[in-house]
Amino acid sequence: MKRDILLPRLLPFSIPAVVKLPCKLLLSPCPIPLYPTCCVPSDSVPSSNPVSPEAPSSPPASKPPRPVLDGIFAFSPNRHTLGGTAYFIQEASGNILVDSPPWDESVQSWISDQGGLRWLFITHRDGIHHVREIQQMFGCEVVIQEQEAYLLPGLTVTSFQHDFQLSDQTRAVWTPGYSPGSSCLYSTVHGGVLFSGRHLLPNQQGEPVPLRISKTFHWKRQIKSIQRLLDEFTPETLNHLCPAANIGFLRGQRSLDRAYQRLAQLDLEQCLASKPGL
């Protein structure tokens, strides 16, 4: 008794179809292909003109740092530090690098042209990238809050507890919350500039706020750290804020001006009650 077996077949454009084949064809030593060549993965079809794969191209050079204020520059976001923005501060006593910029030849040459580095200041643990290479190239001193110094094993670092004076006009301020060793760098130039790391970031309206996320170390301490800044500074001593992320929300501005007044407008009690975001 002759029977037909129904088998699926894929026609061009992936339209399913059903074709009838006699049983004896299924037992043939050279069965008929059930799928057209166009449906076979390309890597299983021998190429009549094989081409050797091209060598991976090197990543494009970083854009030159852009001026923020006189003597202060911002680097392009660094994908190795969660898109963080690093800063360069020119000082007569020695230049300061705030967090790690994209580390390629163009950045290295630019820093060398400015006279190298005296200090590398890390605002938080996510700002660490190529610290060993930076220190080896420029012989700079690495400053980090003591609770995160363990993240740089084998390096010569200067750790601090609450404050650390880098120069006559620049000092570090411990502002825990985002991470255990989260810190800001304050400079007296331009009426007072605070490099806030991820302690304070611009929101979608371009206002500096603490952002509570799932990885926030201690939210209550982060709010207390904001109060410390309000207690230590005044509208006359804190004029600009340079955040380490969310730069796009500045909408073309290079820094947040009227920094103290903006912080003073925050409702810290309401901030404390906010729920974690992503």
C-alpha atoms as a PDB file:
ATOM      1  CA  MET A   1       0.000   0.000   0.000  1.00  0.00           C
ATOM      2  CA  LYS A   2       1.485   3.325  -1.072  1.00  0.00           C
ATOM      3  CA  ARG A   3       1.307   6.093   1.479  1.00  0.00           C
ATOM      4  CA  ASP A   4       2.406   9.713   1.377  1.00  0.00           C
ATOM      5  CA  ILE A   5       4.108  11.411   4.331  1.00  0.00           C
ATOM      6  CA  LEU A   6       3.582  15.091   4.947  1.00  0.00           C
ATOM      7  CA  LEU A   7       6.768  17.029   5.658  1.00  0.00           C
ATOM      8  CA  PRO A   8       7.239  20.768   6.262  1.00  0.00           C
ATOM      9  CA  ARG A   9       9.241  22.733   3.756  1.00  0.00           C
ATOM     10  CA  LEU A  10      10.397  26.351   3.842  1.00  0.00           C
ATOM     11  CA  LEU A  11       9.896  28.215   0.608  1.00  0.00           C
ATOM     12  CA  PRO A  12      11.679  31.503  -0.210  1.00  0.00           C
ATOM     13  CA  PHE A  13      10.599  34.407   2.026  1.00  0.00           C
ATOM     14  CA  SER A  14      10.119  31.917   4.890  1.00  0.00           C
ATOM     15  CA  ILE A  15       6.535  31.014   3.909  1.00  0.00           C
ATOM     16  CA  PRO A  16       5.690  27.644   5.442  1.00  0.00           C
ATOM     17  CA  ALA A  17       4.385  24.996   3.083  1.00  0.00           C
ATOM     18  CA  VAL A  18       3.578  21.288   3.072  1.00  0.00           C
ATOM     19  CA  VAL A  19       4.862  18.925   0.392  1.00  0.00           C
ATOM     20  CA  LYS A  20       3.920  15.304  -0.244  1.00  0.00           C
ATOM     21  CA  LEU A  21       6.753  12.811  -0.789  1.00  0.00           C
ATOM     22  CA  PRO A  22       6.444   9.097  -1.368  1.00  0.00           C
ATOM     23  CA  CYS A  23       7.903   6.903   1.364  1.00  0.00           C
ATOM     24  CA  LYS A  24      10.436   5.353  -0.997  1.00  0.00           C
ATOM     25  CA  LEU A  25      12.055   8.730  -1.613  1.00  0.00           C
ATOM     26  CA  LEU A  26      12.719   9.070   2.090  1.00  0.00           C
ATOM     27  CA  LEU A  27      14.690   5.816   1.979  1.00  0.00           C
ATOM     28  CA  SER A  28      16.825   6.902  -0.974  1.00  0.00           C
ATOM     29  CA  PRO A  29      20.610   6.914  -0.301  1.00  0.00           C
ATOM     30  CA  CYS A  30      20.770  10.487  -1.685  1.00  0.00           C
ATOM     31  CA  PRO A  31      17.695  12.194  -0.250  1.00  0.00           C
ATOM     32  CA  ILE A  32      16.337  15.293  -1.904  1.00  0.00           C
ATOM     33  CA  PRO A  33      17.152  18.481   0.043  1.00  0.00           C
ATOM     34  CA  LEU A  34      14.059  19.630   1.884  1.00  0.00           C
ATOM     35  CA  TYR A  35      15.258  23.259   2.330  1.00  0.00           C
ATOM     36  CA  PRO A  36      16.262  25.670  -0.415  1.00  0.00           C
ATOM     37  CA  THR A  37      19.819  26.947  -0.365  1.00  0.00           C
ATOM     38  CA  CYS A  38      18.659  30.402   0.687  1.00  0.00           C
ATOM     39  CA  CYS A  39      17.505  28.974   4.021  1.00  0.00           C
ATOM     40  CA  VAL A  40      20.827  27.294   4.866  1.00  0.00           C
ATOM     41  CA  PRO A  41      23.047  29.279   7.248  1.00  0.00           C
ATOM     42  CA  SER A  42      25.669  31.119   5.244  1.00  0.00           C
ATOM     43  CA  ASP A  43      28.527  29.688   7.265  1.00  0.00           C
ATOM     44  CA  SER A  44      27.553  26.157   6.149  1.00  0.00           C
ATOM     45  CA  VAL A  45      27.678  26.960   2.426  1.00  0.00           C
ATOM     46  CA  PRO A  46      31.203  26.832   0.942  1.00  0.00           C
ATOM     47  CA  SER A  47      32.197  30.154  -0.545  1.00  0.00           C
ATOM     48  CA  SER A  48      33.473  30.246  -4.094  1.00  0.00           C
ATOM     49  CA  ASN A  49      35.537  33.311  -3.263  1.00  0.00           C
ATOM     50  CA  PRO A  50      36.571  33.161   0.395  1.00  0.00           C
ATOM     51  CA  VAL A  51      37.740  36.462   1.904  1.00  0.00           C
ATOM     52  CA  SER A  52      40.085  36.627   4.872  1.00  0.00           C
ATOM     53  CA  PRO A  53      38.533  38.436   7.850  1.00  0.00           C
ATOM     54  CA  GLU A  54      39.819  41.953   8.330  1.00  0.00           C
ATOM     55  CA  ALA A  55      41.882  42.772  11.385  1.00  0.00           C
ATOM     56  CA  PRO A  56      39.854  44.624  14.036  1.00  0.00           C
ATOM     57  CA  SER A  57      40.359  48.354  13.765  1.00  0.00           C
ATOM     58  CA  SER A  58      41.613  50.331  16.746  1.00  0.00           C
ATOM     59  CA  PRO A  59      39.051  52.498  18.565  1.00  0.00           C
ATOM     60  CA  PRO A  60      38.847  56.092  17.394  1.00  0.00           C
ATOM     61  CA  ALA A  61      40.861  58.676  19.279  1.00  0.00           C
ATOM     62  CA  SER A  62      39.041  60.634  21.959  1.00  0.00           C
ATOM     63  CA  LYS A  63      37.928  64.165  21.275  1.00  0.00           C
ATOM     64  CA  PRO A  64      40.096  66.904  22.790  1.00  0.00           C
ATOM     65  CA  PRO A  65      38.976  67.995  26.258  1.00  0.00           C
ATOM     66  CA  ARG A  66      36.616  70.963  26.166  1.00  0.00           C
ATOM     67  CA  PRO A  67      37.089  74.030  28.375  1.00  0.00           C
ATOM     68  CA  VAL A  68      34.611  74.355  31.231  1.00  0.00           C
ATOM     69  CA  LEU A  69      36.026  77.416  32.985  1.00  0.00           C
ATOM     70  CA  ASP A  70      39.380  79.108  32.681  1.00  0.00           C
ATOM     71  CA  GLY A  71      41.959  76.471  33.644  1.00  0.00           C
ATOM     72  CA  ILE A  72      39.370  73.647  33.906  1.00  0.00           C
ATOM     73  CA  PHE A  73      38.685  71.092  31.151  1.00  0.00           C
ATOM     74  CA  ALA A  74      36.252  68.182  30.760  1.00  0.00           C
ATOM     75  CA  PHE A  75      37.140  64.963  28.923  1.00  0.00           C
ATOM     76  CA  SER A  76      34.790  62.921  26.776  1.00  0.00           C
ATOM     77  CA  PRO A  77      32.664  60.383  28.693  1.00  0.00           C
ATOM     78  CA  ASN A  78      34.585  57.224  29.517  1.00  0.00           C
ATOM     79  CA  ARG A  79      32.704  54.001  28.729  1.00  0.00           C
ATOM     80  CA  HIS A  80      34.970  52.131  31.190  1.00  0.00           C
ATOM     81  CA  THR A  81      33.673  54.263  34.087  1.00  0.00           C
ATOM     82  CA  LEU A  82      29.952  53.976  33.284  1.00  0.00           C
ATOM     83  CA  GLY A  83      30.112  56.976  30.976  1.00  0.00           C
ATOM     84  CA  GLY A  84      31.774  59.115  33.620  1.00  0.00           C
ATOM     85  CA  THR A  85      33.279  62.529  32.892  1.00  0.00           C
ATOM     86  CA  ALA A  86      36.787  63.269  34.152  1.00  0.00           C
ATOM     87  CA  TYR A  87      38.188  66.772  34.637  1.00  0.00           C
ATOM     88  CA  PHE A  88      41.587  68.423  34.359  1.00  0.00           C
ATOM     89  CA  ILE A  89      42.523  71.359  36.614  1.00  0.00           C
ATOM     90  CA  GLN A  90      45.513  73.540  35.807  1.00  0.00           C
ATOM     91  CA  GLU A  91      47.364  74.742  38.896  1.00  0.00           C
ATOM     92  CA  ALA A  92      50.708  76.428  39.324  1.00  0.00           C
ATOM     93  CA  SER A  93      51.683  73.944  42.039  1.00  0.00           C
ATOM     94  CA  GLY A  94      50.804  70.968  39.824  1.00  0.00           C
ATOM     95  CA  ASN A  95      47.946  69.857  37.609  1.00  0.00           C
ATOM     96  CA  ILE A  96      45.100  67.734  38.957  1.00  0.00           C
ATOM     97  CA  LEU A  97      43.165  64.991  37.174  1.00  0.00           C
ATOM     98  CA  VAL A  98      39.735  64.264  38.634  1.00  0.00           C
ATOM     99  CA  ASP A  99      38.754  60.633  37.915  1.00  0.00           C
ATOM    100  CA  SER A 100      39.922  58.566  34.944  1.00  0.00           C
ATOM    101  CA  PRO A 101      39.428  59.813  31.381  1.00  0.00           C
ATOM    102  CA  PRO A 102      39.418  57.603  28.272  1.00  0.00           C
ATOM    103  CA  TRP A 103      43.013  56.426  28.185  1.00  0.00           C
ATOM    104  CA  ASP A 104      44.385  56.619  24.643  1.00  0.00           C
ATOM    105  CA  GLU A 105      47.333  58.296  22.948  1.00  0.00           C
ATOM    106  CA  SER A 106      45.475  61.515  22.202  1.00  0.00           C
ATOM    107  CA  VAL A 107      44.557  61.990  25.875  1.00  0.00           C
ATOM    108  CA  GLN A 108      48.070  61.102  26.996  1.00  0.00           C
ATOM    109  CA  SER A 109      49.609  63.588  24.564  1.00  0.00           C
ATOM    110  CA  TRP A 110      47.214  66.338  25.590  1.00  0.00           C
ATOM    111  CA  ILE A 111      48.014  65.901  29.289  1.00  0.00           C
ATOM    112  CA  SER A 112      51.728  65.861  28.514  1.00  0.00           C
ATOM    113  CA  ASP A 113      51.361  69.110  26.566  1.00  0.00           C
ATOM    114  CA  GLN A 114      49.792  70.712  29.650  1.00  0.00           C
ATOM    115  CA  GLY A 115      52.816  69.817  31.774  1.00  0.00           C
ATOM    116  CA  GLY A 116      51.741  66.414  33.116  1.00  0.00           C
ATOM    117  CA  LEU A 117      50.085  65.658  36.455  1.00  0.00           C
ATOM    118  CA  ARG A 118      50.822  66.234  40.111  1.00  0.00           C
ATOM    119  CA  TRP A 119      47.655  64.567  41.410  1.00  0.00           C
ATOM    120  CA  LEU A 120      45.006  62.034  40.369  1.00  0.00           C
ATOM    121  CA  PHE A 121      41.951  62.396  42.577  1.00  0.00           C
ATOM    122  CA  ILE A 122      39.313  59.625  42.570  1.00  0.00           C
ATOM    123  CA  THR A 123      35.817  60.793  43.555  1.00  0.00           C
ATOM    124  CA  HIS A 124      34.269  57.327  43.815  1.00  0.00           C
ATOM    125  CA  ARG A 125      34.999  53.693  43.031  1.00  0.00           C
ATOM    126  CA  ASP A 126      33.344  53.802  39.597  1.00  0.00           C
ATOM    127  CA  GLY A 127      35.828  56.496  38.536  1.00  0.00           C
ATOM    128  CA  ILE A 128      38.764  54.062  38.613  1.00  0.00           C
ATOM    129  CA  HIS A 129      40.254  53.059  35.254  1.00  0.00           C
ATOM    130  CA  HIS A 130      43.896  52.676  34.117  1.00  0.00           C
ATOM    131  CA  VAL A 131      45.076  54.258  37.355  1.00  0.00           C
ATOM    132  CA  ARG A 132      48.277  52.227  37.310  1.00  0.00           C
ATOM    133  CA  GLU A 133      49.114  53.366  33.776  1.00  0.00           C
ATOM    134  CA  ILE A 134      48.373  56.997  34.615  1.00  0.00           C
ATOM    135  CA  GLN A 135      50.613  56.904  37.665  1.00  0.00           C
ATOM    136  CA  GLN A 136      53.414  55.152  35.813  1.00  0.00           C
ATOM    137  CA  MET A 137      53.343  57.626  32.942  1.00  0.00           C
ATOM    138  CA  PHE A 138      53.195  60.852  34.954  1.00  0.00           C
ATOM    139  CA  GLY A 139      54.474  59.838  38.386  1.00  0.00           C
ATOM    140  CA  CYS A 140      51.431  61.488  39.966  1.00  0.00           C
ATOM    141  CA  GLU A 141      50.145  60.975  43.470  1.00  0.00           C
ATOM    142  CA  VAL A 142      46.823  59.117  43.663  1.00  0.00           C
ATOM    143  CA  VAL A 143      44.364  60.401  46.278  1.00  0.00           C
ATOM    144  CA  ILE A 144      41.326  58.342  47.300  1.00  0.00           C
ATOM    145  CA  GLN A 145      39.155  58.107  50.394  1.00  0.00           C
ATOM    146  CA  GLU A 146      40.433  55.441  52.759  1.00  0.00           C
ATOM    147  CA  GLN A 147      37.383  53.145  52.475  1.00  0.00           C
ATOM    148  CA  GLU A 148      38.031  52.591  48.769  1.00  0.00           C
ATOM    149  CA  ALA A 149      41.842  52.583  48.751  1.00  0.00           C
ATOM    150  CA  TYR A 150      41.769  48.766  48.813  1.00  0.00           C
ATOM    151  CA  LEU A 151      40.507  48.870  45.213  1.00  0.00           C
ATOM    152  CA  LEU A 152      43.994  49.942  44.090  1.00  0.00           C
ATOM    153  CA  PRO A 153      46.227  47.110  45.334  1.00  0.00           C
ATOM    154  CA  GLY A 154      49.922  47.381  44.597  1.00  0.00           C
ATOM    155  CA  LEU A 155      49.773  51.131  43.947  1.00  0.00           C
ATOM    156  CA  THR A 156      51.186  53.942  46.006  1.00  0.00           C
ATOM    157  CA  VAL A 157      48.135  55.913  47.119  1.00  0.00           C
ATOM    158  CA  THR A 158      47.374  58.698  49.552  1.00  0.00           C
ATOM    159  CA  SER A 159      44.207  57.914  51.472  1.00  0.00           C
ATOM    160  CA  PHE A 160      42.297  60.305  53.698  1.00  0.00           C
ATOM    161  CA  GLN A 161      39.458  60.123  56.198  1.00  0.00           C
ATOM    162  CA  HIS A 162      37.385  63.333  56.173  1.00  0.00           C
ATOM    163  CA  ASP A 163      39.391  65.990  54.301  1.00  0.00           C
ATOM    164  CA  PHE A 164      42.659  66.294  52.425  1.00  0.00           C
ATOM    165  CA  GLN A 165      44.432  69.430  51.197  1.00  0.00           C
ATOM    166  CA  LEU A 166      45.932  68.975  47.729  1.00  0.00           C
ATOM    167  CA  SER A 167      47.071  72.594  47.386  1.00  0.00           C
ATOM    168  CA  ASP A 168      46.423  76.026  48.811  1.00  0.00           C
ATOM    169  CA  GLN A 169      43.239  76.296  46.769  1.00  0.00           C
ATOM    170  CA  THR A 170      42.054  72.689  46.402  1.00  0.00           C
ATOM    171  CA  ARG A 171      40.885  70.150  48.980  1.00  0.00           C
ATOM    172  CA  ALA A 172      39.019  66.856  49.110  1.00  0.00           C
ATOM    173  CA  VAL A 173      35.768  66.488  51.077  1.00  0.00           C
ATOM    174  CA  TRP A 174      34.393  63.080  52.072  1.00  0.00           C
ATOM    175  CA  THR A 175      30.710  62.816  51.064  1.00  0.00           C
ATOM    176  CA  PRO A 176      29.718  59.169  51.587  1.00  0.00           C
ATOM    177  CA  GLY A 177      26.445  57.774  50.336  1.00  0.00           C
ATOM    178  CA  TYR A 178      26.682  56.875  46.672  1.00  0.00           C
ATOM    179  CA  SER A 179      29.583  54.642  47.686  1.00  0.00           C
ATOM    180  CA  PRO A 180      31.477  54.239  50.976  1.00  0.00           C
ATOM    181  CA  GLY A 181      34.340  56.467  49.819  1.00  0.00           C
ATOM    182  CA  SER A 182      32.396  58.907  47.650  1.00  0.00           C
ATOM    183  CA  SER A 183      34.106  62.307  47.817  1.00  0.00           C
ATOM    184  CA  CYS A 184      34.036  65.738  46.213  1.00  0.00           C
ATOM    185  CA  LEU A 185      36.929  67.980  45.228  1.00  0.00           C
ATOM    186  CA  TYR A 186      36.579  71.673  46.012  1.00  0.00           C
ATOM    187  CA  SER A 187      38.590  74.489  44.429  1.00  0.00           C
ATOM    188  CA  THR A 188      38.425  78.143  45.423  1.00  0.00           C
ATOM    189  CA  VAL A 189      38.822  79.391  41.826  1.00  0.00           C
ATOM    190  CA  HIS A 190      35.935  81.112  40.002  1.00  0.00           C
ATOM    191  CA  GLY A 191      34.083  81.759  43.220  1.00  0.00           C
ATOM    192  CA  GLY A 192      34.249  78.111  44.251  1.00  0.00           C
ATOM    193  CA  VAL A 193      33.988  74.982  42.075  1.00  0.00           C
ATOM    194  CA  LEU A 194      32.808  71.622  43.409  1.00  0.00           C
ATOM    195  CA  PHE A 195      33.674  68.477  41.438  1.00  0.00           C
ATOM    196  CA  SER A 196      30.856  66.348  42.792  1.00  0.00           C
ATOM    197  CA  GLY A 197      31.580  62.907  41.327  1.00  0.00           C
ATOM    198  CA  ARG A 198      28.305  60.967  41.462  1.00  0.00           C
ATOM    199  CA  HIS A 199      27.296  62.443  44.806  1.00  0.00           C
ATOM    200  CA  LEU A 200      25.274  65.129  42.992  1.00  0.00           C
ATOM    201  CA  LEU A 201      24.152  64.819  39.378  1.00  0.00           C
ATOM    202  CA  PRO A 202      21.920  66.933  37.128  1.00  0.00           C
ATOM    203  CA  ASN A 203      18.394  65.646  36.639  1.00  0.00           C
ATOM    204  CA  GLN A 204      16.400  66.020  33.428  1.00  0.00           C
ATOM    205  CA  GLN A 205      15.697  69.644  34.317  1.00  0.00           C
ATOM    206  CA  GLY A 206      19.399  70.340  34.730  1.00  0.00           C
ATOM    207  CA  GLU A 207      19.203  70.740  38.517  1.00  0.00           C
ATOM    208  CA  PRO A 208      21.756  69.096  40.853  1.00  0.00           C
ATOM    209  CA  VAL A 209      20.167  66.329  42.900  1.00  0.00           C
ATOM    210  CA  PRO A 210      21.166  63.144  44.709  1.00  0.00           C
ATOM    211  CA  LEU A 211      19.991  60.172  42.654  1.00  0.00           C
ATOM    212  CA  ARG A 212      18.940  57.099  44.583  1.00  0.00           C
ATOM    213  CA  ILE A 213      19.577  53.954  42.554  1.00  0.00           C
ATOM    214  CA  SER A 214      19.657  50.268  43.352  1.00  0.00           C
ATOM    215  CA  LYS A 215      23.433  50.308  43.900  1.00  0.00           C
ATOM    216  CA  THR A 216      23.417  53.320  46.255  1.00  0.00           C
ATOM    217  CA  PHE A 217      25.500  52.357  49.270  1.00  0.00           C
ATOM    218  CA  HIS A 218      23.750  54.388  51.991  1.00  0.00           C
ATOM    219  CA  TRP A 219      20.981  56.822  51.057  1.00  0.00           C
ATOM    220  CA  LYS A 220      20.615  58.469  54.476  1.00  0.00           C
ATOM    221  CA  ARG A 221      24.332  59.211  54.644  1.00  0.00           C
ATOM    222  CA  GLN A 222      24.220  60.649  51.149  1.00  0.00           C
ATOM    223  CA  ILE A 223      21.550  63.141  52.238  1.00  0.00           C
ATOM    224  CA  LYS A 224      23.607  64.016  55.327  1.00  0.00           C
ATOM    225  CA  SER A 225      26.592  64.630  53.054  1.00  0.00           C
ATOM    226  CA  ILE A 226      24.571  67.244  51.162  1.00  0.00           C
ATOM    227  CA  GLN A 227      23.808  68.975  54.448  1.00  0.00           C
ATOM    228  CA  ARG A 228      27.509  68.999  55.232  1.00  0.00           C
ATOM    229  CA  LEU A 229      28.188  70.867  51.995  1.00  0.00           C
ATOM    230  CA  LEU A 230      25.480  73.399  52.830  1.00  0.00           C
ATOM    231  CA  ASP A 231      26.999  73.892  56.279  1.00  0.00           C
ATOM    232  CA  GLU A 232      30.570  74.323  55.021  1.00  0.00           C
ATOM    233  CA  PHE A 233      29.963  76.623  52.062  1.00  0.00           C
ATOM    234  CA  THR A 234      28.012  79.769  51.270  1.00  0.00           C
ATOM    235  CA  PRO A 235      26.640  81.396  48.115  1.00  0.00           C
ATOM    236  CA  GLU A 236      29.896  83.370  47.985  1.00  0.00           C
ATOM    237  CA  THR A 237      32.169  80.315  48.236  1.00  0.00           C
ATOM    238  CA  LEU A 238      30.305  77.792  46.054  1.00  0.00           C
ATOM    239  CA  ASN A 239      29.444  79.093  42.618  1.00  0.00           C
ATOM    240  CA  HIS A 240      29.935  76.166  40.189  1.00  0.00           C
ATOM    241  CA  LEU A 241      29.296  72.418  40.251  1.00  0.00           C
ATOM    242  CA  CYS A 242      30.945  69.982  37.837  1.00  0.00           C
ATOM    243  CA  PRO A 243      29.279  66.538  37.954  1.00  0.00           C
ATOM    244  CA  ALA A 244      30.841  63.262  36.830  1.00  0.00           C
ATOM    245  CA  ALA A 245      27.836  62.060  34.820  1.00  0.00           C
ATOM    246  CA  ASN A 246      24.549  63.113  33.177  1.00  0.00           C
ATOM    247  CA  ILE A 247      26.416  65.884  31.351  1.00  0.00           C
ATOM    248  CA  GLY A 248      23.833  65.792  28.563  1.00  0.00           C
ATOM    249  CA  PHE A 249      21.227  67.220  30.951  1.00  0.00           C
ATOM    250  CA  LEU A 250      23.270  70.422  31.207  1.00  0.00           C
ATOM    251  CA  ARG A 251      21.971  71.238  27.698  1.00  0.00           C
ATOM    252  CA  GLY A 252      25.093  72.898  26.417  1.00  0.00           C
ATOM    253  CA  GLN A 253      26.168  74.452  29.705  1.00  0.00           C
ATOM    254  CA  ARG A 254      29.685  73.560  30.827  1.00  0.00           C
ATOM    255  CA  SER A 255      28.875  73.551  34.549  1.00  0.00           C
ATOM    256  CA  LEU A 256      26.004  74.258  36.940  1.00  0.00           C
ATOM    257  CA  ASP A 257      26.235  77.854  38.107  1.00  0.00           C
ATOM    258  CA  ARG A 258      24.684  79.260  41.312  1.00  0.00           C
ATOM    259  CA  ALA A 259      25.563  75.897  42.814  1.00  0.00           C
ATOM    260  CA  TYR A 260      24.946  76.774  46.463  1.00  0.00           C
ATOM    261  CA  GLN A 261      21.551  78.356  45.785  1.00  0.00           C
ATOM    262  CA  ARG A 262      20.494  75.299  43.798  1.00  0.00           C
ATOM    263  CA  LEU A 263      21.505  72.949  46.609  1.00  0.00           C
ATOM    264  CA  ALA A 264      19.770  75.102  49.203  1.00  0.00           C
ATOM    265  CA  GLN A 265      16.496  74.664  47.298  1.00  0.00           C
ATOM    266  CA  LEU A 266      16.551  70.885  47.752  1.00  0.00           C
ATOM    267  CA  ASP A 267      13.970  69.474  50.163  1.00  0.00           C
ATOM    268  CA  LEU A 268      16.235  67.010  51.926  1.00  0.00           C
ATOM    269  CA  GLU A 269      13.367  65.439  53.893  1.00  0.00           C
ATOM    270  CA  GLN A 270      11.558  64.724  50.666  1.00  0.00           C
ATOM    271  CA  CYS A 271      14.772  63.381  49.136  1.00  0.00           C
ATOM    272  CA  LEU A 272      15.171  61.055  52.098  1.00  0.00           C
ATOM    273  CA  ALA A 273      11.750  59.536  51.460  1.00  0.00           C
ATOM    274  CA  SER A 274      12.353  58.883  47.767  1.00  0.00           C
ATOM    275  CA  LYS A 275      12.433  55.310  46.464  1.00  0.00           C
ATOM    276  CA  PRO A 276      15.343  53.756  44.545  1.00  0.00           C
ATOM    277  CA  GLY A 277      15.336  54.102  40.785  1.00  0.00           C
ATOM    278  CA  LEU A 278      17.076  51.751  38.375  1.00  0.00           C
END
